[in-house]
PDB file of N, CA and C in Angstrom:
ATOM      1  N   MET A   1      84.162  26.956  99.328  1.00  0.00           N
ATOM      2  CA  MET A   1      83.323  26.428  99.529  1.00  0.00           C
ATOM      3  C   MET A   1      82.427  25.167  98.783  1.00  0.00           C
ATOM      4  N   ASN A   2      82.316  23.802  99.454  1.00  0.00           N
ATOM      5  CA  ASN A   2      81.468  22.548  99.078  1.00  0.00           C
ATOM      6  C   ASN A   2      80.326  22.690  99.224  1.00  0.00           C
ATOM      7  N   ILE A   3      79.794  21.731  98.265  1.00  0.00           N
ATOM      8  CA  ILE A   3      77.990  21.743  99.276  1.00  0.00           C
ATOM      9  C   ILE A   3      78.308  20.206 100.046  1.00  0.00           C
ATOM     10  N   ILE A   4      77.655  20.026 100.715  1.00  0.00           N
ATOM     11  CA  ILE A   4      77.757  18.595 101.045  1.00  0.00           C
ATOM     12  C   ILE A   4      76.370  18.219 101.911  1.00  0.00           C
ATOM     13  N   PRO A   5      75.529  17.570 100.902  1.00  0.00           N
ATOM     14  CA  PRO A   5      74.288  16.786 100.673  1.00  0.00           C
ATOM     15  C   PRO A   5      74.273  15.970 102.613  1.00  0.00           C
ATOM     16  N   PHE A   6      73.111  15.833 103.711  1.00  0.00           N
ATOM     17  CA  PHE A   6      73.175  15.170 103.865  1.00  0.00           C
ATOM     18  C   PHE A   6      73.878  13.630 104.565  1.00  0.00           C
ATOM     19  N   LYS A   7      74.421  13.080 104.905  1.00  0.00           N
ATOM     20  CA  LYS A   7      75.246  12.256 104.904  1.00  0.00           C
ATOM     21  C   LYS A   7      75.759  11.124 105.783  1.00  0.00           C
ATOM     22  N   THR A   8      75.553   9.837 105.711  1.00  0.00           N
ATOM     23  CA  THR A   8      75.913   9.225 107.280  1.00  0.00           C
ATOM     24  C   THR A   8      76.955   8.560 106.894  1.00  0.00           C
ATOM     25  N   ILE A   9      78.361   8.890 107.738  1.00  0.00           N
ATOM     26  CA  ILE A   9      79.459   7.670 107.937  1.00  0.00           C
ATOM     27  C   ILE A   9      79.393   6.626 108.129  1.00  0.00           C
ATOM     28  N   ASP A  10      79.597   5.523 107.384  1.00  0.00           N
ATOM     29  CA  ASP A  10      79.264   4.238 108.369  1.00  0.00           C
ATOM     30  C   ASP A  10      80.802   3.334 108.459  1.00  0.00           C
ATOM     31  N   TRP A  11      81.820   4.277 109.411  1.00  0.00           N
ATOM     32  CA  TRP A  11      82.780   3.547 109.479  1.00  0.00           C
ATOM     33  C   TRP A  11      83.306   2.211 109.345  1.00  0.00           C
ATOM     34  N   THR A  12      82.443   1.050 109.427  1.00  0.00           N
ATOM     35  CA  THR A  12      82.956  -0.061 109.477  1.00  0.00           C
ATOM     36  C   THR A  12      83.201  -0.608 107.581  1.00  0.00           C
ATOM     37  N   SER A  13      82.832   0.768 106.803  1.00  0.00           N
ATOM     38  CA  SER A  13      83.035  -0.463 105.578  1.00  0.00           C
ATOM     39  C   SER A  13      83.702   0.988 104.667  1.00  0.00           C
ATOM     40  N   ILE A  14      84.746   1.727 105.630  1.00  0.00           N
ATOM     41  CA  ILE A  14      86.082   2.438 105.195  1.00  0.00           C
ATOM     42  C   ILE A  14      86.639   1.591 105.758  1.00  0.00           C
ATOM     43  N   GLU A  15      87.561   1.240 104.568  1.00  0.00           N
ATOM     44  CA  GLU A  15      89.378   0.701 104.836  1.00  0.00           C
ATOM     45  C   GLU A  15      90.044   1.244 105.398  1.00  0.00           C
ATOM     46  N   LYS A  16      90.691   0.396 106.417  1.00  0.00           N
ATOM     47  CA  LYS A  16      91.523   1.387 107.446  1.00  0.00           C
ATOM     48  C   LYS A  16      93.262   1.337 107.073  1.00  0.00           C
ATOM     49  N   THR A  17      93.254   2.159 106.598  1.00  0.00           N
ATOM     50  CA  THR A  17      95.112   2.707 106.060  1.00  0.00           C
ATOM     51  C   THR A  17      95.847   2.620 107.420  1.00  0.00           C
ATOM     52  N   GLU A  18      97.071   1.555 106.880  1.00  0.00           N
ATOM     53  CA  GLU A  18      98.142   1.516 108.259  1.00  0.00           C
ATOM     54  C   GLU A  18      99.116   2.916 107.828  1.00  0.00           C
ATOM     55  N   TYR A  19      99.764   3.511 109.106  1.00  0.00           N
ATOM     56  CA  TYR A  19     101.063   3.898 108.470  1.00  0.00           C
ATOM     57  C   TYR A  19     101.919   4.314 109.598  1.00  0.00           C
ATOM     58  N   LYS A  20     103.010   4.094 109.661  1.00  0.00           N
ATOM     59  CA  LYS A  20     104.081   2.825 110.820  1.00  0.00           C
ATOM     60  C   LYS A  20     104.778   4.275 110.887  1.00  0.00           C
ATOM     61  N   GLY A  21     104.588   4.486 112.467  1.00  0.00           N
ATOM     62  CA  GLY A  21     105.334   5.547 113.293  1.00  0.00           C
ATOM     63  C   GLY A  21     106.878   5.384 113.500  1.00  0.00           C
ATOM     64  N   GLU A  22     108.009   6.410 114.079  1.00  0.00           N
ATOM     65  CA  GLU A  22     108.691   6.006 114.086  1.00  0.00           C
ATOM     66  C   GLU A  22     108.389   4.616 115.668  1.00  0.00           C
ATOM     67  N   THR A  23     107.674   4.581 116.442  1.00  0.00           N
ATOM     68  CA  THR A  23     106.884   3.430 116.768  1.00  0.00           C
ATOM     69  C   THR A  23     105.564   2.755 116.703  1.00  0.00           C
ATOM     70  N   GLY A  24     104.844   1.867 116.768  1.00  0.00           N
ATOM     71  CA  GLY A  24     103.912   1.632 116.535  1.00  0.00           C
ATOM     72  C   GLY A  24     102.756   2.166 115.296  1.00  0.00           C
ATOM     73  N   VAL A  25     101.779   1.879 115.239  1.00  0.00           N
ATOM     74  CA  VAL A  25     101.217   1.893 114.248  1.00  0.00           C
ATOM     75  C   VAL A  25      99.994   3.318 114.352  1.00  0.00           C
ATOM     76  N   ALA A  26      99.795   3.763 113.560  1.00  0.00           N
ATOM     77  CA  ALA A  26      98.379   4.407 113.113  1.00  0.00           C
ATOM     78  C   ALA A  26      97.501   3.879 112.046  1.00  0.00           C
ATOM     79  N   TYR A  27      96.235   3.595 112.376  1.00  0.00           N
ATOM     80  CA  TYR A  27      95.516   3.201 111.572  1.00  0.00           C
ATOM     81  C   TYR A  27      94.336   4.492 111.038  1.00  0.00           C
ATOM     82  N   TRP A  28      93.827   5.162 109.725  1.00  0.00           N
ATOM     83  CA  TRP A  28      93.735   5.779 109.069  1.00  0.00           C
ATOM     84  C   TRP A  28      92.434   5.501 108.650  1.00  0.00           C
ATOM     85  N   GLN A  29      90.693   6.031 108.563  1.00  0.00           N
ATOM     86  CA  GLN A  29      90.153   5.538 108.080  1.00  0.00           C
ATOM     87  C   GLN A  29      89.636   6.971 107.494  1.00  0.00           C
ATOM     88  N   THR A  30      89.176   7.544 105.924  1.00  0.00           N
ATOM     89  CA  THR A  30      89.915   8.707 105.439  1.00  0.00           C
ATOM     90  C   THR A  30      88.069   8.771 104.516  1.00  0.00           C
ATOM     91  N   ILE A  31      87.562   9.893 104.822  1.00  0.00           N
ATOM     92  CA  ILE A  31      86.258  10.309 103.892  1.00  0.00           C
ATOM     93  C   ILE A  31      87.068  11.594 103.365  1.00  0.00           C
ATOM     94  N   GLN A  32      87.018  12.073 101.900  1.00  0.00           N
ATOM     95  CA  GLN A  32      87.093  13.229 101.825  1.00  0.00           C
ATOM     96  C   GLN A  32      86.039  13.926 100.969  1.00  0.00           C
ATOM     97  N   PHE A  33      85.780  15.106 101.138  1.00  0.00           N
ATOM     98  CA  PHE A  33      85.034  16.164 100.510  1.00  0.00           C
ATOM     99  C   PHE A  33      85.473  17.754 100.081  1.00  0.00           C
ATOM    100  N   GLY A  34      86.376  16.898  98.109  1.00  0.00           N
ATOM    101  CA  GLY A  34      86.908  18.276  97.499  1.00  0.00           C
ATOM    102  C   GLY A  34      88.019  18.309  99.174  1.00  0.00           C
ATOM    103  N   GLY A  35      87.836  19.528  99.585  1.00  0.00           N
ATOM    104  CA  GLY A  35      88.929  20.797 100.408  1.00  0.00           C
ATOM    105  C   GLY A  35      88.518  20.068 101.802  1.00  0.00           C
ATOM    106  N   LEU A  36      88.051  19.289 102.111  1.00  0.00           N
ATOM    107  CA  LEU A  36      87.574  18.477 103.368  1.00  0.00           C
ATOM    108  C   LEU A  36      87.845  17.315 103.719  1.00  0.00           C
ATOM    109  N   ARG A  37      88.392  17.263 105.066  1.00  0.00           N
ATOM    110  CA  ARG A  37      88.822  15.560 104.779  1.00  0.00           C
ATOM    111  C   ARG A  37      88.406  15.216 106.709  1.00  0.00           C
ATOM    112  N   ILE A  38      87.967  13.729 106.644  1.00  0.00           N
ATOM    113  CA  ILE A  38      87.484  13.679 107.525  1.00  0.00           C
ATOM    114  C   ILE A  38      88.176  12.120 108.173  1.00  0.00           C
ATOM    115  N   ARG A  39      89.030  11.884 109.193  1.00  0.00           N
ATOM    116  CA  ARG A  39      89.354  10.937 109.607  1.00  0.00           C
ATOM    117  C   ARG A  39      89.048   9.841 110.948  1.00  0.00           C
ATOM    118  N   LEU A  40      88.784   8.600 110.976  1.00  0.00           N
ATOM    119  CA  LEU A  40      89.022   7.820 112.265  1.00  0.00           C
ATOM    120  C   LEU A  40      90.377   7.618 112.074  1.00  0.00           C
ATOM    121  N   VAL A  41      91.353   7.925 113.108  1.00  0.00           N
ATOM    122  CA  VAL A  41      92.792   7.510 113.872  1.00  0.00           C
ATOM    123  C   VAL A  41      92.260   6.416 115.050  1.00  0.00           C
ATOM    124  N   GLU A  42      93.250   5.571 114.529  1.00  0.00           N
ATOM    125  CA  GLU A  42      93.524   4.688 115.826  1.00  0.00           C
ATOM    126  C   GLU A  42      94.742   4.378 116.349  1.00  0.00           C
ATOM    127  N   TYR A  43      95.615   5.289 117.184  1.00  0.00           N
ATOM    128  CA  TYR A  43      97.325   4.881 117.537  1.00  0.00           C
ATOM    129  C   TYR A  43      97.156   3.225 118.693  1.00  0.00           C
ATOM    130  N   THR A  44      98.342   3.251 118.155  1.00  0.00           N
ATOM    131  CA  THR A  44      98.173   1.926 118.732  1.00  0.00           C
ATOM    132  C   THR A  44      99.358   1.666 120.078  1.00  0.00           C
ATOM    133  N   ASN A  45      99.314   1.004 120.755  1.00  0.00           N
ATOM    134  CA  ASN A  45     100.367   1.491 122.266  1.00  0.00           C
ATOM    135  C   ASN A  45     101.390   1.167 121.603  1.00  0.00           C
ATOM    136  N   SER A  46     102.483   2.424 122.491  1.00  0.00           N
ATOM    137  CA  SER A  46     103.594   2.795 122.088  1.00  0.00           C
ATOM    138  C   SER A  46     103.566   3.661 120.744  1.00  0.00           C
ATOM    139  N   TYR A  47     102.807   4.236 120.358  1.00  0.00           N
ATOM    140  CA  TYR A  47     102.712   5.056 118.728  1.00  0.00           C
ATOM    141  C   TYR A  47     103.140   6.491 119.373  1.00  0.00           C
ATOM    142  N   LEU A  48     104.255   7.134 118.090  1.00  0.00           N
ATOM    143  CA  LEU A  48     104.225   7.956 118.207  1.00  0.00           C
ATOM    144  C   LEU A  48     105.367   8.103 116.636  1.00  0.00           C
ATOM    145  N   ALA A  49     104.848   9.611 116.471  1.00  0.00           N
ATOM    146  CA  ALA A  49     104.389  10.222 115.223  1.00  0.00           C
ATOM    147  C   ALA A  49     105.440   9.830 114.316  1.00  0.00           C
ATOM    148  N   ASP A  50     105.643   9.737 113.113  1.00  0.00           N
ATOM    149  CA  ASP A  50     107.393   9.315 112.076  1.00  0.00           C
ATOM    150  C   ASP A  50     107.597  10.663 111.558  1.00  0.00           C
ATOM    151  N   HIS A  51     107.117  11.937 112.318  1.00  0.00           N
ATOM    152  CA  HIS A  51     107.166  13.769 111.420  1.00  0.00           C
ATOM    153  C   HIS A  51     106.688  14.744 112.289  1.00  0.00           C
ATOM    154  N   TRP A  52     107.061  15.598 112.225  1.00  0.00           N
ATOM    155  CA  TRP A  52     106.818  17.150 112.804  1.00  0.00           C
ATOM    156  C   TRP A  52     105.699  17.177 111.866  1.00  0.00           C
ATOM    157  N   CYS A  53     104.175  17.673 111.481  1.00  0.00           N
ATOM    158  CA  CYS A  53     103.114  18.200 111.397  1.00  0.00           C
ATOM    159  C   CYS A  53     103.334  19.526 110.960  1.00  0.00           C
ATOM    160  N   GLN A  54     102.768  19.840 110.408  1.00  0.00           N
ATOM    161  CA  GLN A  54     102.346  21.664 109.605  1.00  0.00           C
ATOM    162  C   GLN A  54     101.003  22.323 109.756  1.00  0.00           C
ATOM    163  N   LYS A  55     100.173  21.063 109.073  1.00  0.00           N
ATOM    164  CA  LYS A  55      99.108  21.043 108.777  1.00  0.00           C
ATOM    165  C   LYS A  55      98.334  21.433 110.044  1.00  0.00           C
ATOM    166  N   GLY A  56      97.092  21.831 109.943  1.00  0.00           N
ATOM    167  CA  GLY A  56      95.709  22.801 110.855  1.00  0.00           C
ATOM    168  C   GLY A  56      94.869  21.138 111.210  1.00  0.00           C
ATOM    169  N   HIS A  57      94.501  21.248 112.154  1.00  0.00           N
ATOM    170  CA  HIS A  57      93.654  19.522 112.549  1.00  0.00           C
ATOM    171  C   HIS A  57      92.797  20.632 113.162  1.00  0.00           C
ATOM    172  N   ILE A  58      91.393  19.605 113.152  1.00  0.00           N
ATOM    173  CA  ILE A  58      90.572  20.305 114.889  1.00  0.00           C
ATOM    174  C   ILE A  58      90.522  18.281 115.297  1.00  0.00           C
ATOM    175  N   VAL A  59      91.080  17.665 116.286  1.00  0.00           N
ATOM    176  CA  VAL A  59      91.555  16.847 117.005  1.00  0.00           C
ATOM    177  C   VAL A  59      90.499  16.444 117.953  1.00  0.00           C
ATOM    178  N   HIS A  60      89.539  15.779 117.905  1.00  0.00           N
ATOM    179  CA  HIS A  60      88.917  14.853 119.192  1.00  0.00           C
ATOM    180  C   HIS A  60      89.465  13.933 119.190  1.00  0.00           C
ATOM    181  N   CYS A  61      89.228  13.274 120.990  1.00  0.00           N
ATOM    182  CA  CYS A  61      89.813  12.902 121.273  1.00  0.00           C
ATOM    183  C   CYS A  61      88.480  11.780 121.832  1.00  0.00           C
ATOM    184  N   LEU A  62      88.075  10.738 120.970  1.00  0.00           N
ATOM    185  CA  LEU A  62      87.160   9.699 121.157  1.00  0.00           C
ATOM    186  C   LEU A  62      87.408   8.288 122.361  1.00  0.00           C
ATOM    187  N   GLU A  63      88.869   8.014 122.229  1.00  0.00           N
ATOM    188  CA  GLU A  63      89.241   7.137 123.683  1.00  0.00           C
ATOM    189  C   GLU A  63      90.645   7.248 123.930  1.00  0.00           C
ATOM    190  N   GLY A  64      91.013   6.180 124.846  1.00  0.00           N
ATOM    191  CA  GLY A  64      92.022   6.861 125.535  1.00  0.00           C
ATOM    192  C   GLY A  64      92.508   8.274 125.620  1.00  0.00           C
ATOM    193  N   GLU A  65      94.346   7.967 125.307  1.00  0.00           N
ATOM    194  CA  GLU A  65      94.684   9.034 125.447  1.00  0.00           C
ATOM    195  C   GLU A  65      95.957   8.976 124.853  1.00  0.00           C
ATOM    196  N   PHE A  66      96.028  10.873 124.568  1.00  0.00           N
ATOM    197  CA  PHE A  66      97.580  11.006 123.454  1.00  0.00           C
ATOM    198  C   PHE A  66      98.245  12.578 124.305  1.00  0.00           C
ATOM    199  N   ILE A  67      99.399  12.487 123.788  1.00  0.00           N
ATOM    200  CA  ILE A  67     100.349  13.421 124.411  1.00  0.00           C
ATOM    201  C   ILE A  67     100.660  13.949 122.720  1.00  0.00           C
ATOM    202  N   THR A  68     100.147  15.632 122.569  1.00  0.00           N
ATOM    203  CA  THR A  68     100.859  16.478 121.735  1.00  0.00           C
ATOM    204  C   THR A  68     101.958  16.807 122.208  1.00  0.00           C
ATOM    205  N   GLU A  69     103.246  16.504 121.093  1.00  0.00           N
ATOM    206  CA  GLU A  69     104.523  17.264 121.372  1.00  0.00           C
ATOM    207  C   GLU A  69     104.869  18.520 120.425  1.00  0.00           C
ATOM    208  N   LEU A  70     105.068  19.711 121.224  1.00  0.00           N
ATOM    209  CA  LEU A  70     105.233  20.599 120.269  1.00  0.00           C
ATOM    210  C   LEU A  70     107.154  20.575 119.788  1.00  0.00           C
ATOM    211  N   SER A  71     106.932  21.491 118.759  1.00  0.00           N
ATOM    212  CA  SER A  71     108.766  21.372 118.262  1.00  0.00           C
ATOM    213  C   SER A  71     109.256  22.217 119.285  1.00  0.00           C
ATOM    214  N   THR A  72     108.438  22.880 119.850  1.00  0.00           N
ATOM    215  CA  THR A  72     108.779  24.143 120.997  1.00  0.00           C
ATOM    216  C   THR A  72     109.515  23.204 122.506  1.00  0.00           C
ATOM    217  N   GLY A  73     109.010  21.814 122.638  1.00  0.00           N
ATOM    218  CA  GLY A  73     109.568  21.341 123.586  1.00  0.00           C
ATOM    219  C   GLY A  73     107.880  20.965 124.281  1.00  0.00           C
ATOM    220  N   GLU A  74     106.758  22.006 124.495  1.00  0.00           N
ATOM    221  CA  GLU A  74     106.272  21.627 124.876  1.00  0.00           C
ATOM    222  C   GLU A  74     105.600  20.776 124.757  1.00  0.00           C
ATOM    223  N   ARG A  75     104.564  19.917 125.482  1.00  0.00           N
ATOM    224  CA  ARG A  75     103.856  18.295 125.913  1.00  0.00           C
ATOM    225  C   ARG A  75     102.604  18.700 126.093  1.00  0.00           C
ATOM    226  N   ILE A  76     100.669  18.741 125.487  1.00  0.00           N
ATOM    227  CA  ILE A  76     100.178  18.415 125.780  1.00  0.00           C
ATOM    228  C   ILE A  76      99.092  17.370 125.992  1.00  0.00           C
ATOM    229  N   LYS A  77      99.021  16.969 127.203  1.00  0.00           N
ATOM    230  CA  LYS A  77      98.116  15.834 127.424  1.00  0.00           C
ATOM    231  C   LYS A  77      96.530  15.844 126.883  1.00  0.00           C
ATOM    232  N   HIS A  78      96.047  14.675 126.339  1.00  0.00           N
ATOM    233  CA  HIS A  78      94.968  15.127 125.641  1.00  0.00           C
ATOM    234  C   HIS A  78      93.950  13.531 126.253  1.00  0.00           C
ATOM    235  N   SER A  79      92.655  13.556 126.585  1.00  0.00           N
ATOM    236  CA  SER A  79      91.897  11.710 127.541  1.00  0.00           C
ATOM    237  C   SER A  79      90.500  12.169 126.397  1.00  0.00           C
ATOM    238  N   LYS A  80      90.384  11.246 126.797  1.00  0.00           N
ATOM    239  CA  LYS A  80      88.485  10.906 126.190  1.00  0.00           C
ATOM    240  C   LYS A  80      87.572  11.758 125.940  1.00  0.00           C
ATOM    241  N   GLY A  81      87.329  13.456 125.481  1.00  0.00           N
ATOM    242  CA  GLY A  81      86.215  14.067 125.220  1.00  0.00           C
ATOM    243  C   GLY A  81      87.023  15.610 124.814  1.00  0.00           C
ATOM    244  N   ASP A  82      88.753  15.308 125.420  1.00  0.00           N
ATOM    245  CA  ASP A  82      89.406  16.526 124.883  1.00  0.00           C
ATOM    246  C   ASP A  82      89.748  17.435 123.018  1.00  0.00           C
ATOM    247  N   THR A  83      89.288  17.903 122.949  1.00  0.00           N
ATOM    248  CA  THR A  83      89.722  18.223 121.315  1.00  0.00           C
ATOM    249  C   THR A  83      90.624  19.659 121.617  1.00  0.00           C
ATOM    250  N   TYR A  84      91.519  19.644 120.277  1.00  0.00           N
ATOM    251  CA  TYR A  84      92.248  20.659 119.846  1.00  0.00           C
ATOM    252  C   TYR A  84      92.074  21.480 118.696  1.00  0.00           C
ATOM    253  N   VAL A  85      92.851  22.526 118.189  1.00  0.00           N
ATOM    254  CA  VAL A  85      92.803  23.389 116.725  1.00  0.00           C
ATOM    255  C   VAL A  85      93.850  23.944 116.812  1.00  0.00           C
ATOM    256  N   VAL A  86      93.909  23.541 115.607  1.00  0.00           N
ATOM    257  CA  VAL A  86      95.216  25.056 115.468  1.00  0.00           C
ATOM    258  C   VAL A  86      94.669  25.052 113.471  1.00  0.00           C
ATOM    259  N   SER A  87      95.744  25.846 113.230  1.00  0.00           N
ATOM    260  CA  SER A  87      95.213  26.066 111.628  1.00  0.00           C
ATOM    261  C   SER A  87      96.961  25.586 111.225  1.00  0.00           C
ATOM    262  N   ASP A  88      97.161  25.773 110.086  1.00  0.00           N
ATOM    263  CA  ASP A  88      98.359  25.040 108.891  1.00  0.00           C
ATOM    264  C   ASP A  88      99.561  26.036 109.344  1.00  0.00           C
ATOM    265  N   GLU A  89     100.502  25.720 109.649  1.00  0.00           N
ATOM    266  CA  GLU A  89     102.115  26.524 109.172  1.00  0.00           C
ATOM    267  C   GLU A  89     101.677  27.387 111.048  1.00  0.00           C
ATOM    268  N   LEU A  90     101.298  26.887 111.858  1.00  0.00           N
ATOM    269  CA  LEU A  90     100.712  27.658 113.162  1.00  0.00           C
ATOM    270  C   LEU A  90     102.346  26.978 113.999  1.00  0.00           C
ATOM    271  N   SER A  91     102.107  25.840 114.006  1.00  0.00           N
ATOM    272  CA  SER A  91     102.620  24.803 115.146  1.00  0.00           C
ATOM    273  C   SER A  91     103.759  23.626 114.441  1.00  0.00           C
ATOM    274  N   SER A  92     104.417  23.219 114.771  1.00  0.00           N
ATOM    275  CA  SER A  92     104.809  21.385 114.052  1.00  0.00           C
ATOM    276  C   SER A  92     104.924  21.708 115.858  1.00  0.00           C
ATOM    277  N   HIS A  93     104.047  19.785 115.263  1.00  0.00           N
ATOM    278  CA  HIS A  93     103.648  18.905 115.926  1.00  0.00           C
ATOM    279  C   HIS A  93     103.630  17.565 115.648  1.00  0.00           C
ATOM    280  N   ARG A  94     103.717  16.457 116.937  1.00  0.00           N
ATOM    281  CA  ARG A  94     103.560  15.138 116.687  1.00  0.00           C
ATOM    282  C   ARG A  94     102.791  14.838 117.645  1.00  0.00           C
ATOM    283  N   SER A  95     102.227  13.515 117.641  1.00  0.00           N
ATOM    284  CA  SER A  95     101.689  12.174 118.354  1.00  0.00           C
ATOM    285  C   SER A  95     102.084  11.230 118.805  1.00  0.00           C
ATOM    286  N   VAL A  96     102.088  11.120 120.345  1.00  0.00           N
ATOM    287  CA  VAL A  96     102.694  10.434 120.960  1.00  0.00           C
ATOM    288  C   VAL A  96     101.465   9.113 121.563  1.00  0.00           C
ATOM    289  N   SER A  97     101.067   8.191 122.264  1.00  0.00           N
ATOM    290  CA  SER A  97     100.217   7.498 122.658  1.00  0.00           C
ATOM    291  C   SER A  97     101.197   6.338 123.425  1.00  0.00           C
ATOM    292  N   ALA A  98     101.255   6.415 124.769  1.00  0.00           N
ATOM    293  CA  ALA A  98     101.880   4.971 125.146  1.00  0.00           C
ATOM    294  C   ALA A  98     101.219   3.600 125.204  1.00  0.00           C
ATOM    295  N   ASN A  99      99.407   4.417 125.125  1.00  0.00           N
ATOM    296  CA  ASN A  99      98.085   3.281 125.549  1.00  0.00           C
ATOM    297  C   ASN A  99      97.308   3.157 124.441  1.00  0.00           C
ATOM    298  N   GLY A 100      98.067   3.604 123.077  1.00  0.00           N
ATOM    299  CA  GLY A 100      96.786   3.707 122.488  1.00  0.00           C
ATOM    300  C   GLY A 100      95.489   4.589 122.824  1.00  0.00           C
ATOM    301  N   ALA A 101      94.557   5.067 121.439  1.00  0.00           N
ATOM    302  CA  ALA A 101      93.978   6.136 120.964  1.00  0.00           C
ATOM    303  C   ALA A 101      92.867   6.429 120.352  1.00  0.00           C
ATOM    304  N   LYS A 102      92.149   6.694 120.023  1.00  0.00           N
ATOM    305  CA  LYS A 102      90.691   6.365 119.063  1.00  0.00           C
ATOM    306  C   LYS A 102      90.828   8.260 118.947  1.00  0.00           C
ATOM    307  N   LEU A 103      91.045   8.557 117.267  1.00  0.00           N
ATOM    308  CA  LEU A 103      90.732  10.379 117.586  1.00  0.00           C
ATOM    309  C   LEU A 103      89.892  10.639 116.412  1.00  0.00           C
ATOM    310  N   LEU A 104      88.688  11.547 116.446  1.00  0.00           N
ATOM    311  CA  LEU A 104      88.561  11.803 114.814  1.00  0.00           C
ATOM    312  C   LEU A 104      89.110  13.578 114.761  1.00  0.00           C
ATOM    313  N   ILE A 105      89.395  13.268 113.314  1.00  0.00           N
ATOM    314  CA  ILE A 105      90.376  14.480 113.055  1.00  0.00           C
ATOM    315  C   ILE A 105      89.641  14.732 111.815  1.00  0.00           C
ATOM    316  N   ILE A 106      89.616  16.256 111.950  1.00  0.00           N
ATOM    317  CA  ILE A 106      88.748  16.995 110.413  1.00  0.00           C
ATOM    318  C   ILE A 106      89.747  17.899 110.152  1.00  0.00           C
ATOM    319  N   ASP A 107      90.453  18.799 109.284  1.00  0.00           N
ATOM    320  CA  ASP A 107      91.127  19.071 108.726  1.00  0.00           C
ATOM    321  C   ASP A 107      90.987  19.709 106.541  1.00  0.00           C
ATOM    322  N   GLY A 108      91.458  20.434 106.252  1.00  0.00           N
ATOM    323  CA  GLY A 108      91.022  20.912 105.136  1.00  0.00           C
ATOM    324  C   GLY A 108      91.282  22.312 105.201  1.00  0.00           C
ATOM    325  N   ASP A 109      90.870  22.784 104.375  1.00  0.00           N
ATOM    326  CA  ASP A 109      91.029  24.266 103.016  1.00  0.00           C
ATOM    327  C   ASP A 109      90.767  25.079 104.651  1.00  0.00           C
ATOM    328  N   PHE A 110      89.606  25.221 104.935  1.00  0.00           N
ATOM    329  CA  PHE A 110      89.204  26.235 106.270  1.00  0.00           C
ATOM    330  C   PHE A 110      90.036  26.283 107.191  1.00  0.00           C
ATOM    331  N   LEU A 111      91.108  25.871 107.229  1.00  0.00           N
ATOM    332  CA  LEU A 111      92.467  25.974 108.240  1.00  0.00           C
ATOM    333  C   LEU A 111      93.629  26.523 107.887  1.00  0.00           C
ATOM    334  N   LYS A 112      93.751  26.949 106.187  1.00  0.00           N
ATOM    335  CA  LYS A 112      94.933  27.628 105.786  1.00  0.00           C
ATOM    336  C   LYS A 112      95.238  28.814 106.070  1.00  0.00           C
ATOM    337  N   ASN A 113      96.252  29.029 106.697  1.00  0.00           N
ATOM    338  CA  ASN A 113      97.197  30.317 107.301  1.00  0.00           C
ATOM    339  C   ASN A 113      96.700  31.220 106.401  1.00  0.00           C
ATOM    340  N   LYS A 114      95.994  32.032 105.443  1.00  0.00           N
ATOM    341  CA  LYS A 114      95.933  32.620 104.477  1.00  0.00           C
ATOM    342  C   LYS A 114      96.918  34.138 104.675  1.00  0.00           C
TER     343      LYS A 114
END
């Protein structure tokens, strides 16, 4: 377990890293605390992730909307204010956003499927 003293995060001071999807782009701003990662992620219009993810996340939609596609074929729509959570290796999922979205994503060791 990490001990994190009180800290504010000034997202304007954190560099954006670009990740190209199959279509569109995701921009990540990332803070790392040992086994805890906190990201502010923005999807552009027509974003489709370039991979199926099996990592666990807590995902909160701050703006816009996106769809989580599961490898089972299920599609779950998320809008501003929606949150989902999943542990590592419990689903294969990827994100799709027609008109863009802004997300707060938290993941780390606490979501490992032990």
